[in-house]
């Protein structure tokens, strides 16, 4: 990571949140609850917080075809809002190919 990007990795801890207004996931109740439950992890602001997101789609553009593709993408949430949703900070970690929709079962070892 470049020094230019590294300086932004602690933004989530140093920004001033406005009560009742959420501009970043660090303003959420879930983030604050995680900080309470895991104080050792949250004590170091450089520890990387990632979002895991997925969305399956049919590769042949036909819902009748029984084949699907599920990309799993990681997003770095340490960065400011204007940076964390840019493509350069989204990482394709896995692609699950399958004969049918996975739903909530993304255990790739059972396929």
N, C-alpha and C. Protein backbone atom coordinates (compact mmCIF):
# COMPACT_ATOMS: atom_id res chain seq x y z
N UNK A 1 0.85 -1.18 0.00
CA UNK A 1 0.00 0.00 0.00
C UNK A 1 0.89 1.24 0.00
N UNK A 2 0.52 2.22 -0.76
CA UNK A 2 1.34 3.43 -0.86
C UNK A 2 1.16 4.30 0.39
N UNK A 3 2.15 5.11 0.71
CA UNK A 3 2.03 6.02 1.87
C UNK A 3 0.85 6.98 1.73
N UNK A 4 0.50 7.33 0.49
CA UNK A 4 -0.63 8.23 0.26
C UNK A 4 -1.94 7.60 0.70
N UNK A 5 -2.09 6.29 0.46
CA UNK A 5 -3.30 5.57 0.86
C UNK A 5 -3.24 5.20 2.34
N UNK A 6 -2.07 4.81 2.82
CA UNK A 6 -1.91 4.36 4.21
C UNK A 6 -2.33 5.44 5.21
N UNK A 7 -2.12 6.69 4.89
CA UNK A 7 -2.50 7.76 5.82
C UNK A 7 -4.01 7.86 6.01
N UNK A 8 -4.78 7.32 5.08
CA UNK A 8 -6.24 7.35 5.19
C UNK A 8 -6.82 6.14 5.93
N UNK A 9 -5.98 5.15 6.25
CA UNK A 9 -6.48 3.91 6.85
C UNK A 9 -6.97 4.07 8.28
N UNK A 10 -6.68 5.18 8.93
CA UNK A 10 -7.17 5.41 10.29
C UNK A 10 -8.29 6.45 10.32
N UNK A 11 -8.80 6.82 9.16
CA UNK A 11 -9.86 7.84 9.08
C UNK A 11 -11.07 7.47 9.90
N UNK A 12 -11.46 6.20 9.90
CA UNK A 12 -12.68 5.77 10.58
C UNK A 12 -12.65 6.05 12.08
N UNK A 13 -11.47 6.16 12.67
CA UNK A 13 -11.39 6.44 14.10
C UNK A 13 -11.27 7.93 14.39
N UNK A 14 -10.74 8.69 13.47
CA UNK A 14 -10.49 10.11 13.74
C UNK A 14 -11.59 11.06 13.26
N UNK A 15 -12.54 10.58 12.44
CA UNK A 15 -13.56 11.51 11.95
C UNK A 15 -14.59 11.81 13.03
N UNK A 16 -15.20 12.97 12.92
CA UNK A 16 -16.21 13.40 13.88
C UNK A 16 -17.60 13.02 13.37
N UNK A 17 -18.25 12.11 14.08
CA UNK A 17 -19.59 11.67 13.69
C UNK A 17 -20.63 12.64 14.23
N UNK A 18 -21.67 12.87 13.45
CA UNK A 18 -22.79 13.70 13.87
C UNK A 18 -23.88 12.76 14.37
N UNK A 19 -24.42 13.02 15.57
CA UNK A 19 -25.45 12.16 16.13
C UNK A 19 -26.65 12.07 15.21
N UNK A 20 -27.12 10.85 14.98
CA UNK A 20 -28.29 10.62 14.14
C UNK A 20 -28.01 10.64 12.65
N UNK A 21 -26.77 10.85 12.26
CA UNK A 21 -26.42 10.90 10.84
C UNK A 21 -25.32 9.88 10.56
N UNK A 22 -25.59 8.99 9.61
CA UNK A 22 -24.61 7.96 9.28
C UNK A 22 -24.02 8.23 7.90
N UNK A 23 -22.75 8.55 7.87
CA UNK A 23 -22.07 8.81 6.60
C UNK A 23 -21.06 7.72 6.28
N UNK A 24 -20.82 6.83 7.23
CA UNK A 24 -19.84 5.77 7.08
C UNK A 24 -20.25 4.63 8.01
N UNK A 25 -19.92 3.38 7.69
CA UNK A 25 -20.27 2.28 8.60
C UNK A 25 -19.73 2.45 10.02
N UNK A 26 -18.66 3.21 10.21
CA UNK A 26 -18.14 3.42 11.56
C UNK A 26 -19.09 4.23 12.43
N UNK A 27 -20.10 4.85 11.84
CA UNK A 27 -21.11 5.59 12.60
C UNK A 27 -22.25 4.68 13.08
N UNK A 28 -22.25 3.43 12.66
CA UNK A 28 -23.37 2.54 12.96
C UNK A 28 -23.28 1.93 14.36
N UNK A 29 -24.42 1.45 14.85
CA UNK A 29 -24.48 0.79 16.15
C UNK A 29 -23.70 -0.52 16.11
N UNK A 30 -23.74 -1.23 14.97
CA UNK A 30 -23.04 -2.51 14.84
C UNK A 30 -21.52 -2.31 14.99
N UNK A 31 -20.99 -1.26 14.39
CA UNK A 31 -19.55 -0.98 14.47
C UNK A 31 -19.17 -0.69 15.92
N UNK A 32 -19.98 0.13 16.59
CA UNK A 32 -19.71 0.50 17.98
C UNK A 32 -19.84 -0.71 18.90
N UNK A 33 -20.81 -1.59 18.62
CA UNK A 33 -20.96 -2.81 19.40
C UNK A 33 -19.75 -3.72 19.22
N UNK A 34 -19.26 -3.84 18.00
CA UNK A 34 -18.07 -4.63 17.73
C UNK A 34 -16.88 -4.08 18.52
N UNK A 35 -16.74 -2.76 18.60
CA UNK A 35 -15.65 -2.15 19.36
C UNK A 35 -15.72 -2.52 20.84
N UNK A 36 -16.94 -2.61 21.38
CA UNK A 36 -17.12 -2.96 22.80
C UNK A 36 -16.81 -4.45 23.02
N UNK A 37 -17.30 -5.29 22.13
CA UNK A 37 -17.11 -6.74 22.28
C UNK A 37 -15.66 -7.15 22.03
N UNK A 38 -14.97 -6.45 21.14
CA UNK A 38 -13.58 -6.78 20.78
C UNK A 38 -12.67 -5.58 21.01
N UNK A 39 -12.46 -5.20 22.27
CA UNK A 39 -11.65 -4.00 22.55
C UNK A 39 -10.20 -4.14 22.12
N UNK A 40 -9.65 -5.35 22.15
CA UNK A 40 -8.25 -5.53 21.75
C UNK A 40 -8.07 -5.23 20.26
N UNK A 41 -9.03 -5.67 19.44
CA UNK A 41 -8.96 -5.41 18.00
C UNK A 41 -9.19 -3.93 17.71
N UNK A 42 -10.18 -3.33 18.34
CA UNK A 42 -10.53 -1.93 18.04
C UNK A 42 -9.55 -0.93 18.63
N UNK A 43 -8.69 -1.35 19.56
CA UNK A 43 -7.71 -0.43 20.15
C UNK A 43 -6.70 0.05 19.11
N UNK A 44 -6.42 -0.77 18.13
CA UNK A 44 -5.48 -0.40 17.07
C UNK A 44 -6.27 0.01 15.83
N UNK A 45 -6.27 1.28 15.51
CA UNK A 45 -7.09 1.78 14.41
C UNK A 45 -6.62 1.31 13.04
N UNK A 46 -5.39 0.80 12.94
CA UNK A 46 -4.88 0.32 11.65
C UNK A 46 -5.32 -1.11 11.33
N UNK A 47 -5.94 -1.80 12.28
CA UNK A 47 -6.48 -3.13 11.97
C UNK A 47 -7.52 -2.99 10.88
N UNK A 48 -7.43 -3.82 9.87
CA UNK A 48 -8.26 -3.67 8.68
C UNK A 48 -9.64 -4.27 8.90
N UNK A 49 -10.66 -3.48 8.59
CA UNK A 49 -12.05 -3.93 8.67
C UNK A 49 -12.57 -4.08 7.24
N UNK A 50 -13.09 -5.26 6.96
CA UNK A 50 -13.53 -5.59 5.62
C UNK A 50 -15.02 -5.89 5.59
N UNK A 51 -15.63 -5.56 4.48
CA UNK A 51 -17.00 -5.98 4.20
C UNK A 51 -16.90 -7.10 3.18
N UNK A 52 -17.69 -8.14 3.40
CA UNK A 52 -17.78 -9.23 2.45
C UNK A 52 -19.15 -9.11 1.79
N UNK A 53 -19.18 -8.99 0.48
CA UNK A 53 -20.46 -8.88 -0.22
C UNK A 53 -20.46 -9.80 -1.43
N UNK A 54 -21.65 -10.27 -1.75
CA UNK A 54 -21.80 -11.17 -2.88
C UNK A 54 -23.14 -10.94 -3.54
N UNK A 55 -23.21 -11.27 -4.79
CA UNK A 55 -24.47 -11.20 -5.52
C UNK A 55 -24.36 -12.15 -6.70
N UNK A 56 -25.21 -13.14 -6.71
CA UNK A 56 -25.16 -14.12 -7.77
C UNK A 56 -25.90 -13.67 -9.01
N UNK A 57 -25.49 -14.20 -10.13
CA UNK A 57 -26.18 -13.90 -11.37
C UNK A 57 -26.08 -15.10 -12.30
N UNK A 58 -26.97 -15.15 -13.24
CA UNK A 58 -26.99 -16.22 -14.22
C UNK A 58 -26.08 -15.81 -15.36
N UNK A 59 -25.10 -16.63 -15.66
CA UNK A 59 -24.08 -16.27 -16.64
C UNK A 59 -24.57 -16.25 -18.08
N UNK A 60 -25.69 -16.91 -18.34
CA UNK A 60 -26.18 -16.98 -19.71
C UNK A 60 -27.38 -16.08 -19.96
N UNK A 61 -27.69 -15.18 -19.03
CA UNK A 61 -28.77 -14.19 -19.15
C UNK A 61 -30.13 -14.84 -19.39
N UNK A 62 -30.28 -16.05 -18.93
CA UNK A 62 -31.54 -16.74 -19.08
C UNK A 62 -31.85 -17.43 -17.76
N UNK A 63 -32.98 -17.09 -17.17
CA UNK A 63 -33.33 -17.69 -15.89
C UNK A 63 -33.69 -19.16 -16.04
N UNK A 64 -33.88 -19.63 -17.25
CA UNK A 64 -34.18 -21.04 -17.47
C UNK A 64 -32.92 -21.90 -17.39
N UNK A 65 -31.75 -21.31 -17.66
CA UNK A 65 -30.49 -22.06 -17.60
C UNK A 65 -30.13 -22.28 -16.13
N UNK A 66 -29.75 -23.49 -15.76
CA UNK A 66 -29.50 -23.81 -14.35
C UNK A 66 -28.07 -23.53 -13.88
N UNK A 67 -27.41 -22.52 -14.42
CA UNK A 67 -26.03 -22.27 -14.05
C UNK A 67 -25.90 -20.86 -13.49
N UNK A 68 -25.12 -20.69 -12.42
CA UNK A 68 -24.98 -19.37 -11.82
C UNK A 68 -23.52 -19.09 -11.47
N UNK A 69 -23.23 -17.83 -11.20
CA UNK A 69 -21.90 -17.36 -10.84
C UNK A 69 -22.05 -16.41 -9.66
N UNK A 70 -21.25 -16.65 -8.60
CA UNK A 70 -21.34 -15.83 -7.39
C UNK A 70 -19.97 -15.22 -7.08
N UNK A 71 -19.73 -13.96 -7.46
CA UNK A 71 -18.47 -13.32 -7.05
C UNK A 71 -18.57 -12.88 -5.59
N UNK A 72 -17.48 -13.02 -4.86
CA UNK A 72 -17.40 -12.54 -3.48
C UNK A 72 -16.35 -11.44 -3.46
N UNK A 73 -16.78 -10.27 -3.02
CA UNK A 73 -15.94 -9.07 -3.08
C UNK A 73 -15.69 -8.57 -1.66
N UNK A 74 -14.46 -8.15 -1.38
CA UNK A 74 -14.09 -7.55 -0.10
C UNK A 74 -13.87 -6.06 -0.30
N UNK A 75 -14.41 -5.27 0.63
CA UNK A 75 -14.28 -3.81 0.58
C UNK A 75 -13.61 -3.35 1.88
N UNK A 76 -12.62 -2.48 1.78
CA UNK A 76 -11.90 -1.95 2.94
C UNK A 76 -12.70 -0.81 3.55
N UNK A 77 -13.15 -1.00 4.80
CA UNK A 77 -13.95 0.04 5.47
C UNK A 77 -13.14 0.95 6.37
N UNK A 78 -11.85 0.83 6.39
CA UNK A 78 -11.03 1.78 7.15
C UNK A 78 -10.96 3.13 6.45
N UNK A 79 -11.17 3.14 5.17
CA UNK A 79 -11.00 4.35 4.35
C UNK A 79 -12.20 5.29 4.44
N UNK A 80 -12.01 6.57 4.10
CA UNK A 80 -13.12 7.53 4.09
C UNK A 80 -14.19 7.13 3.07
N UNK A 81 -15.42 7.65 3.22
CA UNK A 81 -16.51 7.27 2.32
C UNK A 81 -16.20 7.48 0.84
N UNK A 82 -15.50 8.52 0.51
CA UNK A 82 -15.19 8.80 -0.89
C UNK A 82 -14.18 7.84 -1.50
N UNK A 83 -13.50 7.06 -0.65
CA UNK A 83 -12.49 6.14 -1.14
C UNK A 83 -12.93 4.68 -1.04
N UNK A 84 -13.64 4.31 0.02
CA UNK A 84 -13.89 2.88 0.26
C UNK A 84 -14.78 2.23 -0.79
N UNK A 85 -15.57 2.99 -1.51
CA UNK A 85 -16.44 2.40 -2.53
C UNK A 85 -15.88 2.55 -3.94
N UNK A 86 -14.63 2.96 -4.07
CA UNK A 86 -14.01 3.03 -5.39
C UNK A 86 -13.51 1.65 -5.79
N UNK A 87 -13.54 1.36 -7.07
CA UNK A 87 -13.16 0.04 -7.57
C UNK A 87 -11.75 -0.38 -7.17
N UNK A 88 -10.84 0.56 -7.04
CA UNK A 88 -9.47 0.20 -6.71
C UNK A 88 -9.32 -0.35 -5.30
N UNK A 89 -10.35 -0.17 -4.44
CA UNK A 89 -10.31 -0.69 -3.08
C UNK A 89 -11.32 -1.82 -2.87
N UNK A 90 -11.83 -2.37 -3.95
CA UNK A 90 -12.70 -3.54 -3.90
C UNK A 90 -11.90 -4.71 -4.47
N UNK A 91 -11.90 -5.80 -3.76
CA UNK A 91 -11.07 -6.94 -4.14
C UNK A 91 -11.94 -8.16 -4.39
N UNK A 92 -11.83 -8.71 -5.58
CA UNK A 92 -12.52 -9.94 -5.91
C UNK A 92 -11.75 -11.09 -5.26
N UNK A 93 -12.32 -11.69 -4.22
CA UNK A 93 -11.60 -12.73 -3.49
C UNK A 93 -11.92 -14.13 -3.98
N UNK A 94 -13.16 -14.36 -4.40
CA UNK A 94 -13.59 -15.69 -4.80
C UNK A 94 -14.67 -15.59 -5.85
N UNK A 95 -14.72 -16.54 -6.74
CA UNK A 95 -15.85 -16.69 -7.66
C UNK A 95 -16.35 -18.11 -7.50
N UNK A 96 -17.61 -18.24 -7.10
CA UNK A 96 -18.20 -19.55 -6.91
C UNK A 96 -19.09 -19.84 -8.11
N UNK A 97 -18.71 -20.84 -8.86
CA UNK A 97 -19.50 -21.26 -10.00
C UNK A 97 -20.33 -22.47 -9.58
N UNK A 98 -21.57 -22.49 -10.01
CA UNK A 98 -22.39 -23.62 -9.59
C UNK A 98 -23.54 -23.90 -10.52
N UNK A 99 -24.09 -25.08 -10.38
CA UNK A 99 -25.22 -25.46 -11.22
C UNK A 99 -26.53 -24.82 -10.78
N UNK A 100 -26.57 -24.25 -9.59
CA UNK A 100 -27.81 -23.63 -9.12
C UNK A 100 -27.50 -22.50 -8.15
N UNK A 101 -28.51 -21.77 -7.78
CA UNK A 101 -28.37 -20.64 -6.86
C UNK A 101 -27.91 -21.13 -5.49
N UNK A 102 -26.97 -20.43 -4.87
CA UNK A 102 -26.46 -20.82 -3.57
C UNK A 102 -27.30 -20.30 -2.41
N UNK A 103 -28.01 -19.20 -2.64
CA UNK A 103 -28.77 -18.61 -1.54
C UNK A 103 -27.84 -18.17 -0.43
N UNK A 104 -28.11 -18.61 0.79
CA UNK A 104 -27.26 -18.26 1.93
C UNK A 104 -26.16 -19.29 2.18
N UNK A 105 -26.14 -20.35 1.43
CA UNK A 105 -25.16 -21.40 1.62
C UNK A 105 -23.98 -21.17 0.68
N UNK A 106 -22.98 -20.40 1.15
CA UNK A 106 -21.83 -20.14 0.31
C UNK A 106 -20.63 -20.99 0.72
N UNK A 107 -20.87 -22.12 1.34
CA UNK A 107 -19.82 -23.05 1.69
C UNK A 107 -19.36 -23.74 0.41
N UNK A 108 -18.23 -23.31 -0.13
CA UNK A 108 -17.77 -23.81 -1.42
C UNK A 108 -17.27 -25.25 -1.35
N UNK A 109 -17.03 -25.77 -0.15
CA UNK A 109 -16.52 -27.13 -0.02
C UNK A 109 -17.62 -28.18 -0.14
N UNK A 110 -18.89 -27.77 -0.06
CA UNK A 110 -20.00 -28.70 -0.18
C UNK A 110 -20.53 -28.80 -1.60
N UNK A 111 -20.00 -28.03 -2.53
CA UNK A 111 -20.53 -28.01 -3.89
C UNK A 111 -20.17 -29.25 -4.67
